[in-house]
C-alpha atoms as a PDB file:
ATOM      1  CA  MET A   1     281.484 195.113 309.962  1.00  0.00           C
ATOM      2  CA  THR A   2     284.658 196.804 308.717  1.00  0.00           C
ATOM      3  CA  ASP A   3     285.959 195.613 305.360  1.00  0.00           C
ATOM      4  CA  LYS A   4     289.196 193.710 305.847  1.00  0.00           C
ATOM      5  CA  ASN A   5     291.030 196.127 303.548  1.00  0.00           C
ATOM      6  CA  GLU A   6     290.118 199.006 305.848  1.00  0.00           C
ATOM      7  CA  ARG A   7     292.003 197.632 308.819  1.00  0.00           C
ATOM      8  CA  PRO A   8     294.408 200.272 310.063  1.00  0.00           C
ATOM      9  CA  VAL A   9     297.633 198.205 310.010  1.00  0.00           C
ATOM     10  CA  ALA A  10     299.256 197.137 306.750  1.00  0.00           C
ATOM     11  CA  ALA A  11     302.060 194.589 306.655  1.00  0.00           C
ATOM     12  CA  LEU A  12     305.300 195.525 304.961  1.00  0.00           C
ATOM     13  CA  LEU A  13     307.462 192.565 303.944  1.00  0.00           C
ATOM     14  CA  LEU A  14     311.039 193.453 303.024  1.00  0.00           C
ATOM     15  CA  ALA A  15     312.087 190.877 300.413  1.00  0.00           C
ATOM     16  CA  ALA A  16     314.511 192.732 298.145  1.00  0.00           C
ATOM     17  CA  GLY A  17     317.846 191.292 299.292  1.00  0.00           C
ATOM     18  CA  GLY A  18     320.222 189.747 296.787  1.00  0.00           C
ATOM     19  CA  GLY A  19     321.695 187.138 299.134  1.00  0.00           C
ATOM     20  CA  ARG A  20     325.257 188.369 298.638  1.00  0.00           C
ATOM     21  CA  ARG A  21     326.591 185.978 301.282  1.00  0.00           C
ATOM     22  CA  LEU A  22     324.535 183.178 299.721  1.00  0.00           C
ATOM     23  CA  GLY A  23     326.328 183.399 296.402  1.00  0.00           C
ATOM     24  CA  GLY A  24     323.831 185.850 294.940  1.00  0.00           C
ATOM     25  CA  ARG A  25     320.742 183.710 295.506  1.00  0.00           C
ATOM     26  CA  PRO A  26     317.831 186.078 296.172  1.00  0.00           C
ATOM     27  CA  LYS A  27     316.408 185.347 299.615  1.00  0.00           C
ATOM     28  CA  ALA A  28     312.825 185.687 298.405  1.00  0.00           C
ATOM     29  CA  LEU A  29     313.242 182.579 296.222  1.00  0.00           C
ATOM     30  CA  LEU A  30     314.986 180.286 298.718  1.00  0.00           C
ATOM     31  CA  GLU A  31     312.804 177.235 299.157  1.00  0.00           C
ATOM     32  CA  HIS A  32     311.095 176.615 302.488  1.00  0.00           C
ATOM     33  CA  ARG A  33     308.476 173.915 303.020  1.00  0.00           C
ATOM     34  CA  GLY A  34     308.182 173.402 299.290  1.00  0.00           C
ATOM     35  CA  ARG A  35     307.598 176.999 298.255  1.00  0.00           C
ATOM     36  CA  PRO A  36     309.558 180.246 297.897  1.00  0.00           C
ATOM     37  CA  LEU A  37     310.445 181.904 301.188  1.00  0.00           C
ATOM     38  CA  VAL A  38     308.562 185.057 300.182  1.00  0.00           C
ATOM     39  CA  GLU A  39     305.337 183.033 299.847  1.00  0.00           C
ATOM     40  CA  HIS A  40     305.872 181.538 303.294  1.00  0.00           C
ATOM     41  CA  ALA A  41     306.452 184.999 304.781  1.00  0.00           C
ATOM     42  CA  VAL A  42     303.267 186.399 303.221  1.00  0.00           C
ATOM     43  CA  ALA A  43     301.277 183.424 304.546  1.00  0.00           C
ATOM     44  CA  VAL A  44     302.670 184.062 308.048  1.00  0.00           C
ATOM     45  CA  LEU A  45     301.626 187.717 307.942  1.00  0.00           C
ATOM     46  CA  ARG A  46     298.124 186.831 306.792  1.00  0.00           C
ATOM     47  CA  ALA A  47     297.753 184.064 309.379  1.00  0.00           C
ATOM     48  CA  GLY A  48     298.876 186.565 312.028  1.00  0.00           C
ATOM     49  CA  GLY A  49     296.022 188.922 311.113  1.00  0.00           C
ATOM     50  CA  CYS A  50     297.425 191.239 308.431  1.00  0.00           C
ATOM     51  CA  ALA A  51     294.864 191.586 305.651  1.00  0.00           C
ATOM     52  CA  ARG A  52     296.917 194.020 303.574  1.00  0.00           C
ATOM     53  CA  VAL A  53     300.442 192.999 302.618  1.00  0.00           C
ATOM     54  CA  HIS A  54     302.898 195.146 300.649  1.00  0.00           C
ATOM     55  CA  VAL A  55     305.958 193.189 299.463  1.00  0.00           C
ATOM     56  CA  VAL A  56     309.123 195.108 298.588  1.00  0.00           C
ATOM     57  CA  LEU A  57     311.053 193.350 295.817  1.00  0.00           C
ATOM     58  CA  GLY A  58     314.505 194.105 294.469  1.00  0.00           C
ATOM     59  CA  ALA A  59     316.999 191.436 293.448  1.00  0.00           C
ATOM     60  CA  HIS A  60     315.625 189.274 290.610  1.00  0.00           C
ATOM     61  CA  ALA A  61     312.220 190.951 291.013  1.00  0.00           C
ATOM     62  CA  ASP A  62     310.965 189.563 287.691  1.00  0.00           C
ATOM     63  CA  ALA A  63     311.833 185.998 288.705  1.00  0.00           C
ATOM     64  CA  VAL A  64     310.117 186.476 292.069  1.00  0.00           C
ATOM     65  CA  ARG A  65     306.949 187.733 290.371  1.00  0.00           C
ATOM     66  CA  GLU A  66     307.052 184.755 288.012  1.00  0.00           C
ATOM     67  CA  ARG A  67     307.789 181.984 290.516  1.00  0.00           C
ATOM     68  CA  ALA A  68     306.063 183.102 293.725  1.00  0.00           C
ATOM     69  CA  GLU A  69     302.299 183.129 294.265  1.00  0.00           C
ATOM     70  CA  LEU A  70     301.743 186.630 295.622  1.00  0.00           C
ATOM     71  CA  SER A  71     298.182 187.342 294.501  1.00  0.00           C
ATOM     72  CA  GLY A  72     296.411 189.883 296.659  1.00  0.00           C
ATOM     73  CA  CYS A  73     299.689 191.536 297.663  1.00  0.00           C
ATOM     74  CA  VAL A  74     300.822 194.982 296.583  1.00  0.00           C
ATOM     75  CA  LEU A  75     304.220 194.452 294.946  1.00  0.00           C
ATOM     76  CA  VAL A  76     306.613 197.368 295.381  1.00  0.00           C
ATOM     77  CA  GLU A  77     309.799 197.397 293.356  1.00  0.00           C
ATOM     78  CA  ASN A  78     312.861 198.983 294.945  1.00  0.00           C
ATOM     79  CA  PRO A  79     315.328 199.881 292.187  1.00  0.00           C
ATOM     80  CA  GLU A  80     317.849 200.912 294.857  1.00  0.00           C
ATOM     81  CA  TRP A  81     317.805 197.565 296.694  1.00  0.00           C
ATOM     82  CA  GLU A  82     321.589 197.230 296.488  1.00  0.00           C
ATOM     83  CA  GLN A  83     321.898 200.213 298.838  1.00  0.00           C
ATOM     84  CA  GLY A  84     320.544 198.071 301.659  1.00  0.00           C
ATOM     85  CA  MET A  85     317.469 197.489 303.767  1.00  0.00           C
ATOM     86  CA  GLY A  86     316.991 201.195 304.459  1.00  0.00           C
ATOM     87  CA  SER A  87     316.067 201.836 300.828  1.00  0.00           C
ATOM     88  CA  SER A  88     313.513 198.990 300.928  1.00  0.00           C
ATOM     89  CA  LEU A  89     311.965 200.341 304.109  1.00  0.00           C
ATOM     90  CA  ARG A  90     311.661 203.780 302.488  1.00  0.00           C
ATOM     91  CA  ALA A  91     310.102 202.303 299.344  1.00  0.00           C
ATOM     92  CA  GLY A  92     307.658 200.276 301.415  1.00  0.00           C
ATOM     93  CA  LEU A  93     306.549 203.174 303.601  1.00  0.00           C
ATOM     94  CA  ASP A  94     306.190 205.387 300.517  1.00  0.00           C
ATOM     95  CA  SER A  95     303.889 202.751 298.999  1.00  0.00           C
ATOM     96  CA  LEU A  96     301.534 203.073 301.967  1.00  0.00           C
ATOM     97  CA  ALA A  97     300.963 206.799 301.426  1.00  0.00           C
ATOM     98  CA  GLY A  98     297.342 207.470 300.537  1.00  0.00           C
ATOM     99  CA  THR A  99     296.174 203.928 301.338  1.00  0.00           C
ATOM    100  CA  GLY A 100     294.501 204.835 304.611  1.00  0.00           C
ATOM    101  CA  ALA A 101     296.920 202.676 306.590  1.00  0.00           C
ATOM    102  CA  ARG A 102     297.635 204.139 310.007  1.00  0.00           C
ATOM    103  CA  ALA A 103     300.509 201.806 310.887  1.00  0.00           C
ATOM    104  CA  ALA A 104     302.955 199.461 309.184  1.00  0.00           C
ATOM    105  CA  LEU A 105     303.985 196.096 310.596  1.00  0.00           C
ATOM    106  CA  VAL A 106     307.450 195.458 309.153  1.00  0.00           C
ATOM    107  CA  SER A 107     308.709 191.906 308.659  1.00  0.00           C
ATOM    108  CA  LEU A 108     311.822 190.451 306.998  1.00  0.00           C
ATOM    109  CA  VAL A 109     311.671 187.678 304.395  1.00  0.00           C
ATOM    110  CA  ASP A 110     314.725 185.877 305.793  1.00  0.00           C
ATOM    111  CA  GLN A 111     313.329 185.118 309.265  1.00  0.00           C
ATOM    112  CA  PRO A 112     311.194 181.976 308.805  1.00  0.00           C
ATOM    113  CA  GLY A 113     311.421 181.169 312.515  1.00  0.00           C
ATOM    114  CA  ILE A 114     309.041 184.039 313.222  1.00  0.00           C
ATOM    115  CA  GLY A 115     305.502 182.754 312.759  1.00  0.00           C
ATOM    116  CA  PRO A 116     301.915 183.997 312.999  1.00  0.00           C
ATOM    117  CA  GLU A 117     301.866 184.055 316.815  1.00  0.00           C
ATOM    118  CA  ALA A 118     304.560 186.753 316.996  1.00  0.00           C
ATOM    119  CA  VAL A 119     302.854 188.760 314.234  1.00  0.00           C
ATOM    120  CA  ALA A 120     299.530 188.566 316.073  1.00  0.00           C
ATOM    121  CA  ARG A 121     301.068 189.728 319.362  1.00  0.00           C
ATOM    122  CA  VAL A 122     302.720 192.774 317.809  1.00  0.00           C
ATOM    123  CA  LEU A 123     299.566 193.571 315.823  1.00  0.00           C
ATOM    124  CA  ALA A 124     297.448 193.401 318.974  1.00  0.00           C
ATOM    125  CA  ALA A 125     299.616 196.067 320.619  1.00  0.00           C
ATOM    126  CA  TYR A 126     298.632 198.687 318.005  1.00  0.00           C
ATOM    127  CA  THR A 127     296.621 201.563 319.456  1.00  0.00           C
ATOM    128  CA  ASP A 128     296.892 204.546 317.084  1.00  0.00           C
ATOM    129  CA  GLU A 129     299.157 206.414 314.667  1.00  0.00           C
ATOM    130  CA  SER A 130     301.691 207.115 317.407  1.00  0.00           C
ATOM    131  CA  SER A 131     302.206 203.405 318.140  1.00  0.00           C
ATOM    132  CA  LEU A 132     305.772 202.120 318.223  1.00  0.00           C
ATOM    133  CA  VAL A 133     305.855 198.392 318.969  1.00  0.00           C
ATOM    134  CA  SER A 134     308.528 195.741 318.634  1.00  0.00           C
ATOM    135  CA  ALA A 135     308.716 192.022 319.174  1.00  0.00           C
ATOM    136  CA  ALA A 136     311.328 191.107 321.760  1.00  0.00           C
ATOM    137  CA  TYR A 137     313.269 187.896 322.282  1.00  0.00           C
ATOM    138  CA  ASP A 138     314.389 187.466 325.888  1.00  0.00           C
ATOM    139  CA  GLY A 139     314.006 191.218 326.193  1.00  0.00           C
ATOM    140  CA  VAL A 140     316.070 192.049 323.087  1.00  0.00           C
ATOM    141  CA  ARG A 141     314.286 194.009 320.353  1.00  0.00           C
ATOM    142  CA  GLY A 142     313.693 192.172 317.057  1.00  0.00           C
ATOM    143  CA  HIS A 143     311.103 191.759 314.289  1.00  0.00           C
ATOM    144  CA  PRO A 144     308.351 192.281 313.477  1.00  0.00           C
ATOM    145  CA  VAL A 145     308.228 195.972 314.297  1.00  0.00           C
ATOM    146  CA  LEU A 146     305.126 198.155 314.088  1.00  0.00           C
ATOM    147  CA  PHE A 147     305.434 201.832 313.172  1.00  0.00           C
ATOM    148  CA  GLY A 148     302.447 204.129 313.529  1.00  0.00           C
ATOM    149  CA  ALA A 149     302.076 206.572 310.628  1.00  0.00           C
ATOM    150  CA  ALA A 150     303.188 209.456 312.837  1.00  0.00           C
ATOM    151  CA  HIS A 151     306.717 208.004 312.681  1.00  0.00           C
ATOM    152  CA  TRP A 152     306.946 207.312 308.939  1.00  0.00           C
ATOM    153  CA  ALA A 153     308.356 210.640 307.762  1.00  0.00           C
ATOM    154  CA  ASP A 154     311.181 210.618 310.305  1.00  0.00           C
ATOM    155  CA  ILE A 155     311.984 206.959 309.631  1.00  0.00           C
ATOM    156  CA  THR A 156     312.084 207.611 305.882  1.00  0.00           C
ATOM    157  CA  ALA A 157     314.465 210.505 306.489  1.00  0.00           C
ATOM    158  CA  THR A 158     316.881 208.414 308.559  1.00  0.00           C
ATOM    159  CA  ALA A 159     316.673 204.906 307.022  1.00  0.00           C
ATOM    160  CA  THR A 160     319.977 204.327 305.229  1.00  0.00           C
ATOM    161  CA  GLY A 161     322.193 201.382 304.321  1.00  0.00           C
ATOM    162  CA  ASP A 162     321.500 198.073 306.028  1.00  0.00           C
ATOM    163  CA  ARG A 163     320.495 199.693 309.287  1.00  0.00           C
ATOM    164  CA  GLY A 164     316.885 200.270 308.294  1.00  0.00           C
ATOM    165  CA  ALA A 165     315.109 201.977 311.181  1.00  0.00           C
ATOM    166  CA  ARG A 166     317.699 200.977 313.783  1.00  0.00           C
ATOM    167  CA  ALA A 167     318.900 204.537 314.431  1.00  0.00           C
ATOM    168  CA  TYR A 168     315.336 205.817 314.806  1.00  0.00           C
ATOM    169  CA  LEU A 169     314.398 203.007 317.164  1.00  0.00           C
ATOM    170  CA  LYS A 170     317.518 203.586 319.263  1.00  0.00           C
ATOM    171  CA  GLU A 171     316.688 207.279 319.544  1.00  0.00           C
ATOM    172  CA  HIS A 172     313.104 206.495 320.563  1.00  0.00           C
ATOM    173  CA  ALA A 173     313.853 203.450 322.723  1.00  0.00           C
ATOM    174  CA  SER A 174     311.930 204.809 325.700  1.00  0.00           C
ATOM    175  CA  GLY A 175     308.751 205.020 323.622  1.00  0.00           C
ATOM    176  CA  ILE A 176     308.831 201.492 322.209  1.00  0.00           C
ATOM    177  CA  ARG A 177     306.409 198.948 323.580  1.00  0.00           C
ATOM    178  CA  LEU A 178     308.235 195.619 323.676  1.00  0.00           C
ATOM    179  CA  VAL A 179     306.123 192.502 323.191  1.00  0.00           C
ATOM    180  CA  GLU A 180     307.889 189.341 324.303  1.00  0.00           C
ATOM    181  CA  CYS A 181     307.787 186.644 321.620  1.00  0.00           C
ATOM    182  CA  GLY A 182     310.681 184.410 322.632  1.00  0.00           C
ATOM    183  CA  ASP A 183     308.271 181.666 323.683  1.00  0.00           C
ATOM    184  CA  VAL A 184     306.627 181.447 320.241  1.00  0.00           C
ATOM    185  CA  ALA A 185     309.300 182.427 317.701  1.00  0.00           C
ATOM    186  CA  ARG A 186     313.005 182.200 316.881  1.00  0.00           C
ATOM    187  CA  PRO A 187     314.540 185.329 315.332  1.00  0.00           C
ATOM    188  CA  TYR A 188     317.411 183.819 313.320  1.00  0.00           C
ATOM    189  CA  ASP A 189     318.289 185.204 309.873  1.00  0.00           C
ATOM    190  CA  ILE A 190     319.088 183.283 306.692  1.00  0.00           C
ATOM    191  CA  ASP A 191     322.291 185.136 305.795  1.00  0.00           C
ATOM    192  CA  THR A 192     324.936 182.532 304.988  1.00  0.00           C
ATOM    193  CA  ALA A 193     325.149 179.013 303.567  1.00  0.00           C
ATOM    194  CA  ALA A 194     325.379 177.688 307.126  1.00  0.00           C
ATOM    195  CA  ASP A 195     321.985 179.240 307.897  1.00  0.00           C
ATOM    196  CA  LEU A 196     320.269 177.239 305.145  1.00  0.00           C
ATOM    197  CA  LYS A 197     319.927 174.393 307.662  1.00  0.00           C
ATOM    198  CA  HIS A 198     316.957 176.303 309.096  1.00  0.00           C
ATOM    199  CA  LEU A 199     314.992 175.873 305.857  1.00  0.00           C
ATOM    200  CA  GLU A 200     312.822 172.803 305.412  1.00  0.00           C
END
């Protein structure tokens, strides 16, 4: 039996945002179901089948390490988090170099409506290092997204600002396998004070 740490897909949780539109409250530490949102997101990834989880931290990284239970995760600090999600995606993919991972399943900390079922569906669509898979909601591409290692270098080269891998995915739209998840997940973001109603 393969050791769980040798599974080919590693999860990459982007949790570095400073919550600018939330008055500077770091999204990772927003409370959801009695624990920090970053803890909830890690639990979702593990329940969905991801044994290895790399968490990219940025805003208030020390406080996140202190207050969130993230044992077993690889914590990656992104000193350039203020430049946007692209820098966190680059930092996360860089952290996977040399680990043996052949794909990265990328998830965002501020989407608590996306649960283990969506993660499991996207994970199940992995085939090899050339895989390019995305959850879809009523046919519209969303998260999580799975990038085979063959794509990492080009994504790292083009991931800038808050766009993350959007430009790369647009350019390679014909090669993306869309996995419908609209029946099991809701892809809303926690971006503004009005969105806090989604947290429990």
